[in-house]
């Protein structure tokens, strides 16, 4: 089961990946100081998993530039083929 998708665009920046891992290990330190080893182990395990997924198995994807879409004046008008096939309100088209 994969909890973190390393290919998600949110993880492209290095500082985001560092912050996630640092918060997990920092919270483990807070729990150790607070005297709750159970939650310290859980937080450290989350930090270790985040480090594994975001640094060890991370393969950066090249950024794909989206094509610039420019509206054409021709697309706004109705094509002649379709308008010729439409029947008039008086009767069928000839």
C-alpha atoms as a PDB file:
ATOM      1  CA  UNK A   1       0.000   0.000   0.000  1.00  0.00           C
ATOM      2  CA  UNK A   2       1.428   3.333  -1.077  1.00  0.00           C
ATOM      3  CA  UNK A   3       0.589   6.226   1.262  1.00  0.00           C
ATOM      4  CA  UNK A   4       2.726   8.873  -0.456  1.00  0.00           C
ATOM      5  CA  UNK A   5       2.767   9.249  -4.237  1.00  0.00           C
ATOM      6  CA  UNK A   6       6.254  10.591  -5.027  1.00  0.00           C
ATOM      7  CA  UNK A   7       5.145  11.536  -8.560  1.00  0.00           C
ATOM      8  CA  UNK A   8       2.577  14.031  -7.302  1.00  0.00           C
ATOM      9  CA  UNK A   9       3.392  17.602  -8.427  1.00  0.00           C
ATOM     10  CA  UNK A  10       3.281  18.846  -4.819  1.00  0.00           C
ATOM     11  CA  UNK A  11       6.519  16.984  -4.048  1.00  0.00           C
ATOM     12  CA  UNK A  12       8.592  18.435  -6.916  1.00  0.00           C
ATOM     13  CA  UNK A  13      10.173  21.137  -4.760  1.00  0.00           C
ATOM     14  CA  UNK A  14      12.987  20.020  -2.500  1.00  0.00           C
ATOM     15  CA  UNK A  15      11.959  22.259   0.404  1.00  0.00           C
ATOM     16  CA  UNK A  16       8.526  20.623   0.557  1.00  0.00           C
ATOM     17  CA  UNK A  17      10.023  17.150   0.849  1.00  0.00           C
ATOM     18  CA  UNK A  18      12.527  18.307   3.481  1.00  0.00           C
ATOM     19  CA  UNK A  19       9.779  20.024   5.484  1.00  0.00           C
ATOM     20  CA  UNK A  20       7.574  16.922   5.545  1.00  0.00           C
ATOM     21  CA  UNK A  21      10.377  14.694   6.804  1.00  0.00           C
ATOM     22  CA  UNK A  22      11.603  17.306   9.303  1.00  0.00           C
ATOM     23  CA  UNK A  23       8.123  17.792  10.784  1.00  0.00           C
ATOM     24  CA  UNK A  24       7.704  14.045  11.284  1.00  0.00           C
ATOM     25  CA  UNK A  25      11.060  13.634  13.026  1.00  0.00           C
ATOM     26  CA  UNK A  26      10.571  16.874  14.948  1.00  0.00           C
ATOM     27  CA  UNK A  27       7.268  15.619  16.275  1.00  0.00           C
ATOM     28  CA  UNK A  28       8.969  12.376  17.318  1.00  0.00           C
ATOM     29  CA  UNK A  29      11.471  14.462  19.310  1.00  0.00           C
ATOM     30  CA  UNK A  30       8.619  16.380  20.970  1.00  0.00           C
ATOM     31  CA  UNK A  31       6.979  13.110  21.988  1.00  0.00           C
ATOM     32  CA  UNK A  32      10.243  11.753  23.420  1.00  0.00           C
ATOM     33  CA  UNK A  33      10.733  14.919  25.490  1.00  0.00           C
ATOM     34  CA  UNK A  34       7.092  14.723  26.580  1.00  0.00           C
ATOM     35  CA  UNK A  35       7.597  11.191  27.830  1.00  0.00           C
ATOM     36  CA  UNK A  36       5.339   9.326  25.397  1.00  0.00           C
ATOM     37  CA  UNK A  37       7.487   6.733  23.601  1.00  0.00           C
ATOM     38  CA  UNK A  38       4.562   5.105  21.749  1.00  0.00           C
ATOM     39  CA  UNK A  39       3.727   8.246  19.761  1.00  0.00           C
ATOM     40  CA  UNK A  40       7.443   8.981  19.336  1.00  0.00           C
ATOM     41  CA  UNK A  41       7.884   5.645  17.565  1.00  0.00           C
ATOM     42  CA  UNK A  42       4.786   6.245  15.413  1.00  0.00           C
ATOM     43  CA  UNK A  43       6.048   9.717  14.398  1.00  0.00           C
ATOM     44  CA  UNK A  44       9.562   8.438  13.725  1.00  0.00           C
ATOM     45  CA  UNK A  45       8.140   5.624  11.583  1.00  0.00           C
ATOM     46  CA  UNK A  46       6.125   8.185   9.592  1.00  0.00           C
ATOM     47  CA  UNK A  47       9.302  10.240   9.133  1.00  0.00           C
ATOM     48  CA  UNK A  48      11.281   7.199   8.014  1.00  0.00           C
ATOM     49  CA  UNK A  49       8.557   6.246   5.525  1.00  0.00           C
ATOM     50  CA  UNK A  50       8.369   9.823   4.222  1.00  0.00           C
ATOM     51  CA  UNK A  51      12.162   9.898   3.828  1.00  0.00           C
ATOM     52  CA  UNK A  52      12.105   6.605   1.949  1.00  0.00           C
ATOM     53  CA  UNK A  53       9.328   7.688  -0.425  1.00  0.00           C
ATOM     54  CA  UNK A  54      10.368  11.315  -0.951  1.00  0.00           C
ATOM     55  CA  UNK A  55      14.150  10.908  -1.181  1.00  0.00           C
ATOM     56  CA  UNK A  56      15.158   7.296  -1.696  1.00  0.00           C
ATOM     57  CA  UNK A  57      12.618   6.311  -4.375  1.00  0.00           C
ATOM     58  CA  UNK A  58      11.946   9.813  -5.727  1.00  0.00           C
ATOM     59  CA  UNK A  59      12.554  10.171  -9.460  1.00  0.00           C
ATOM     60  CA  UNK A  60      11.920  13.741 -10.604  1.00  0.00           C
ATOM     61  CA  UNK A  61       9.634  14.018 -13.593  1.00  0.00           C
ATOM     62  CA  UNK A  62      10.517  16.597 -16.239  1.00  0.00           C
ATOM     63  CA  UNK A  63       8.135  19.513 -16.223  1.00  0.00           C
ATOM     64  CA  UNK A  64       5.786  19.429 -19.188  1.00  0.00           C
ATOM     65  CA  UNK A  65       4.997  22.795 -20.701  1.00  0.00           C
ATOM     66  CA  UNK A  66       1.353  23.111 -21.565  1.00  0.00           C
ATOM     67  CA  UNK A  67       0.676  24.300 -25.102  1.00  0.00           C
ATOM     68  CA  UNK A  68      -0.628  27.818 -25.478  1.00  0.00           C
ATOM     69  CA  UNK A  69      -4.209  27.722 -26.671  1.00  0.00           C
ATOM     70  CA  UNK A  70      -5.225  30.614 -28.864  1.00  0.00           C
ATOM     71  CA  UNK A  71      -8.829  30.911 -29.972  1.00  0.00           C
ATOM     72  CA  UNK A  72      -9.224  31.155 -33.718  1.00  0.00           C
ATOM     73  CA  UNK A  73     -11.845  33.379 -35.269  1.00  0.00           C
ATOM     74  CA  UNK A  74     -12.784  30.516 -37.604  1.00  0.00           C
ATOM     75  CA  UNK A  75     -13.761  28.250 -34.719  1.00  0.00           C
ATOM     76  CA  UNK A  76     -16.274  30.753 -33.396  1.00  0.00           C
ATOM     77  CA  UNK A  77     -18.256  30.795 -36.613  1.00  0.00           C
ATOM     78  CA  UNK A  78     -20.559  27.946 -37.511  1.00  0.00           C
ATOM     79  CA  UNK A  79     -19.143  25.734 -40.287  1.00  0.00           C
ATOM     80  CA  UNK A  80     -20.864  26.065 -43.660  1.00  0.00           C
ATOM     81  CA  UNK A  81     -21.493  22.306 -43.922  1.00  0.00           C
ATOM     82  CA  UNK A  82     -23.626  22.208 -40.813  1.00  0.00           C
ATOM     83  CA  UNK A  83     -25.581  25.362 -41.598  1.00  0.00           C
ATOM     84  CA  UNK A  84     -26.431  24.052 -45.100  1.00  0.00           C
ATOM     85  CA  UNK A  85     -27.922  20.871 -43.617  1.00  0.00           C
ATOM     86  CA  UNK A  86     -30.232  22.665 -41.207  1.00  0.00           C
ATOM     87  CA  UNK A  87     -33.833  22.771 -42.375  1.00  0.00           C
ATOM     88  CA  UNK A  88     -35.518  26.117 -42.439  1.00  0.00           C
ATOM     89  CA  UNK A  89     -38.664  26.629 -40.422  1.00  0.00           C
ATOM     90  CA  UNK A  90     -40.706  26.669 -43.649  1.00  0.00           C
ATOM     91  CA  UNK A  91     -39.685  23.178 -44.732  1.00  0.00           C
ATOM     92  CA  UNK A  92     -36.765  20.863 -45.438  1.00  0.00           C
ATOM     93  CA  UNK A  93     -33.568  22.253 -46.916  1.00  0.00           C
ATOM     94  CA  UNK A  94     -33.092  21.864 -50.640  1.00  0.00           C
END
